[in-house]
Amino acid sequence: QVQLVESGGGLVQAGGSLRLSCGASGGTFSAYTMGWFRQAPGKEREFVAAITRIGITNYADSVKGRFAVSRDNAKNMVYLQMNNLKPEDTAVYYCAVWVASRSEYDYWGQGTQVTVSS
């Protein structure tokens, strides 16, 4: 069973930066595609970014050019560097594992709150 723990959230002013971390245990991390998602109050959870086991990345249009996803397979960690943050980036951010056999993300972490003030 894979377990994920996110950290690094906080309160930041618009234009600022944060780096989120997601630590994995209980599985073969280096084999996984990892995703970042977010959920704002009253909204559905949405895709933010993903990184494959070999480092190919994909981003939602709303964060392209501002966010960067990376991973360190030796440490079982995935990161989300968020720059030029906007108030609309305020949300709880989650990481998850892509489960290819079910064609879905699963093993969600508990999330970390990001609040961007204007």
C-alpha atoms as a PDB file:
ATOM      1  CA  GLN A   1       0.000   0.000   0.000  1.00  0.00           C
ATOM      2  CA  VAL A   2       1.415   3.373  -1.040  1.00  0.00           C
ATOM      3  CA  GLN A   3       1.281   6.211   1.463  1.00  0.00           C
ATOM      4  CA  LEU A   4       1.807   9.840   0.512  1.00  0.00           C
ATOM      5  CA  VAL A   5       2.471  12.834   2.748  1.00  0.00           C
ATOM      6  CA  GLU A   6       2.385  16.394   1.428  1.00  0.00           C
ATOM      7  CA  SER A   7       4.067  19.364   3.068  1.00  0.00           C
ATOM      8  CA  GLY A   8       5.224  22.876   2.335  1.00  0.00           C
ATOM      9  CA  GLY A   9       1.958  24.765   2.127  1.00  0.00           C
ATOM     10  CA  GLY A  10       1.362  28.098   3.787  1.00  0.00           C
ATOM     11  CA  LEU A  11       0.284  31.688   3.426  1.00  0.00           C
ATOM     12  CA  VAL A  12       2.013  33.795   0.793  1.00  0.00           C
ATOM     13  CA  GLN A  13       1.364  37.112  -0.902  1.00  0.00           C
ATOM     14  CA  ALA A  14       0.466  37.283  -4.558  1.00  0.00           C
ATOM     15  CA  GLY A  15       3.615  37.089  -6.660  1.00  0.00           C
ATOM     16  CA  GLY A  16       5.366  34.957  -4.105  1.00  0.00           C
ATOM     17  CA  SER A  17       6.625  31.398  -4.270  1.00  0.00           C
ATOM     18  CA  LEU A  18       6.180  28.125  -2.414  1.00  0.00           C
ATOM     19  CA  ARG A  19       7.651  24.672  -2.846  1.00  0.00           C
ATOM     20  CA  LEU A  20       5.439  21.727  -2.028  1.00  0.00           C
ATOM     21  CA  SER A  21       6.851  18.312  -1.232  1.00  0.00           C
ATOM     22  CA  CYS A  22       5.287  14.879  -1.365  1.00  0.00           C
ATOM     23  CA  GLY A  23       6.973  11.902   0.265  1.00  0.00           C
ATOM     24  CA  ALA A  24       6.053   8.346  -0.704  1.00  0.00           C
ATOM     25  CA  SER A  25       6.422   5.085   1.137  1.00  0.00           C
ATOM     26  CA  GLY A  26       5.218   1.521   0.733  1.00  0.00           C
ATOM     27  CA  GLY A  27       5.748   1.057  -2.976  1.00  0.00           C
ATOM     28  CA  THR A  28       8.152   1.280  -5.881  1.00  0.00           C
ATOM     29  CA  PHE A  29       8.237   5.055  -6.200  1.00  0.00           C
ATOM     30  CA  SER A  30      10.588   5.169  -9.162  1.00  0.00           C
ATOM     31  CA  ALA A  31       8.046   3.270 -11.287  1.00  0.00           C
ATOM     32  CA  TYR A  32       5.150   5.645 -10.671  1.00  0.00           C
ATOM     33  CA  THR A  33       3.769   8.568 -12.574  1.00  0.00           C
ATOM     34  CA  MET A  34       2.986  11.140  -9.880  1.00  0.00           C
ATOM     35  CA  GLY A  35       0.372  13.849 -10.045  1.00  0.00           C
ATOM     36  CA  TRP A  36      -0.422  17.064  -8.214  1.00  0.00           C
ATOM     37  CA  PHE A  37      -4.013  18.183  -7.847  1.00  0.00           C
ATOM     38  CA  ARG A  38      -5.768  20.975  -5.986  1.00  0.00           C
ATOM     39  CA  GLN A  39      -9.208  21.667  -4.597  1.00  0.00           C
ATOM     40  CA  ALA A  40     -10.460  25.132  -3.790  1.00  0.00           C
ATOM     41  CA  PRO A  41     -13.440  25.718  -1.481  1.00  0.00           C
ATOM     42  CA  GLY A  42     -16.679  24.925  -3.255  1.00  0.00           C
ATOM     43  CA  LYS A  43     -14.912  23.597  -6.335  1.00  0.00           C
ATOM     44  CA  GLU A  44     -14.057  20.183  -7.681  1.00  0.00           C
ATOM     45  CA  ARG A  45     -10.570  18.812  -7.446  1.00  0.00           C
ATOM     46  CA  GLU A  46      -8.531  19.707 -10.517  1.00  0.00           C
ATOM     47  CA  PHE A  47      -5.346  18.497 -12.137  1.00  0.00           C
ATOM     48  CA  VAL A  48      -2.286  20.703 -11.704  1.00  0.00           C
ATOM     49  CA  ALA A  49       0.765  18.793 -12.914  1.00  0.00           C
ATOM     50  CA  ALA A  50       2.208  15.340 -13.415  1.00  0.00           C
ATOM     51  CA  ILE A  51       5.605  13.751 -13.889  1.00  0.00           C
ATOM     52  CA  THR A  52       6.325  10.308 -15.308  1.00  0.00           C
ATOM     53  CA  ARG A  53       8.892   7.902 -13.941  1.00  0.00           C
ATOM     54  CA  ILE A  54      11.398   9.197 -16.508  1.00  0.00           C
ATOM     55  CA  GLY A  55      10.692  12.854 -15.872  1.00  0.00           C
ATOM     56  CA  ILE A  56       8.247  13.797 -18.616  1.00  0.00           C
ATOM     57  CA  THR A  57       6.019  16.560 -17.277  1.00  0.00           C
ATOM     58  CA  ASN A  58       2.547  17.840 -18.007  1.00  0.00           C
ATOM     59  CA  TYR A  59       0.759  20.921 -16.667  1.00  0.00           C
ATOM     60  CA  ALA A  60      -2.661  22.448 -16.505  1.00  0.00           C
ATOM     61  CA  ASP A  61      -2.891  25.534 -18.699  1.00  0.00           C
ATOM     62  CA  SER A  62      -3.594  27.685 -15.662  1.00  0.00           C
ATOM     63  CA  VAL A  63      -0.150  26.980 -14.153  1.00  0.00           C
ATOM     64  CA  LYS A  64       2.071  26.610 -17.215  1.00  0.00           C
ATOM     65  CA  GLY A  65       5.111  28.845 -16.972  1.00  0.00           C
ATOM     66  CA  ARG A  66       4.621  29.382 -13.232  1.00  0.00           C
ATOM     67  CA  PHE A  67       4.747  25.898 -11.676  1.00  0.00           C
ATOM     68  CA  ALA A  68       7.363  23.195 -12.092  1.00  0.00           C
ATOM     69  CA  VAL A  69       7.081  19.569 -11.005  1.00  0.00           C
ATOM     70  CA  SER A  70      10.170  17.494 -10.273  1.00  0.00           C
ATOM     71  CA  ARG A  71      11.101  14.281  -8.522  1.00  0.00           C
ATOM     72  CA  ASP A  72      13.962  12.673  -6.655  1.00  0.00           C
ATOM     73  CA  ASN A  73      13.617   8.909  -6.976  1.00  0.00           C
ATOM     74  CA  ALA A  74      16.478   8.308  -4.545  1.00  0.00           C
ATOM     75  CA  LYS A  75      14.492  10.096  -1.830  1.00  0.00           C
ATOM     76  CA  ASN A  76      11.012   8.935  -2.912  1.00  0.00           C
ATOM     77  CA  MET A  77       9.988  12.573  -3.233  1.00  0.00           C
ATOM     78  CA  VAL A  78       8.069  14.662  -5.735  1.00  0.00           C
ATOM     79  CA  TYR A  79       8.030  18.449  -5.629  1.00  0.00           C
ATOM     80  CA  LEU A  80       5.912  21.279  -6.949  1.00  0.00           C
ATOM     81  CA  GLN A  81       7.691  24.612  -7.258  1.00  0.00           C
ATOM     82  CA  MET A  82       5.079  27.345  -7.475  1.00  0.00           C
ATOM     83  CA  ASN A  83       6.154  30.811  -8.593  1.00  0.00           C
ATOM     84  CA  ASN A  84       4.259  34.015  -9.274  1.00  0.00           C
ATOM     85  CA  LEU A  85       1.386  32.764  -7.168  1.00  0.00           C
ATOM     86  CA  LYS A  86      -2.057  34.254  -7.649  1.00  0.00           C
ATOM     87  CA  PRO A  87      -5.051  34.391  -5.298  1.00  0.00           C
ATOM     88  CA  GLU A  88      -6.815  31.881  -7.550  1.00  0.00           C
ATOM     89  CA  ASP A  89      -4.096  29.342  -6.706  1.00  0.00           C
ATOM     90  CA  THR A  90      -5.508  29.166  -3.178  1.00  0.00           C
ATOM     91  CA  ALA A  91      -6.504  25.559  -2.524  1.00  0.00           C
ATOM     92  CA  VAL A  92      -5.610  22.363  -0.762  1.00  0.00           C
ATOM     93  CA  TYR A  93      -2.932  20.646  -2.816  1.00  0.00           C
ATOM     94  CA  TYR A  94      -2.694  16.860  -3.049  1.00  0.00           C
ATOM     95  CA  CYS A  95      -0.303  14.406  -4.610  1.00  0.00           C
ATOM     96  CA  ALA A  96      -1.360  11.036  -5.954  1.00  0.00           C
ATOM     97  CA  VAL A  97      -0.089   7.996  -7.813  1.00  0.00           C
ATOM     98  CA  TRP A  98      -1.244   7.088 -11.315  1.00  0.00           C
ATOM     99  CA  VAL A  99      -2.542   3.533 -11.170  1.00  0.00           C
ATOM    100  CA  ALA A 100      -2.198   2.311 -14.741  1.00  0.00           C
ATOM    101  CA  SER A 101      -4.270  -0.842 -14.215  1.00  0.00           C
ATOM    102  CA  ARG A 102      -7.280   1.306 -13.313  1.00  0.00           C
ATOM    103  CA  SER A 103      -6.436   4.355 -15.437  1.00  0.00           C
ATOM    104  CA  GLU A 104      -6.890   6.659 -12.482  1.00  0.00           C
ATOM    105  CA  TYR A 105      -4.994   8.452  -9.750  1.00  0.00           C
ATOM    106  CA  ASP A 106      -5.164   6.937  -6.263  1.00  0.00           C
ATOM    107  CA  TYR A 107      -3.398   6.776  -2.885  1.00  0.00           C
ATOM    108  CA  TRP A 108      -4.094  10.412  -2.144  1.00  0.00           C
ATOM    109  CA  GLY A 109      -2.202  12.217   0.568  1.00  0.00           C
ATOM    110  CA  GLN A 110      -3.889  14.335   3.237  1.00  0.00           C
ATOM    111  CA  GLY A 111      -3.193  17.554   1.372  1.00  0.00           C
ATOM    112  CA  THR A 112      -1.441  20.786   2.234  1.00  0.00           C
ATOM    113  CA  GLN A 113      -3.146  24.185   2.314  1.00  0.00           C
ATOM    114  CA  VAL A 114      -1.873  26.968   0.093  1.00  0.00           C
ATOM    115  CA  THR A 115      -3.335  30.419   0.638  1.00  0.00           C
ATOM    116  CA  VAL A 116      -2.379  33.336  -1.596  1.00  0.00           C
ATOM    117  CA  SER A 117      -3.355  36.788  -0.388  1.00  0.00           C
ATOM    118  CA  SER A 118      -3.916  39.693  -2.752  1.00  0.00           C
END
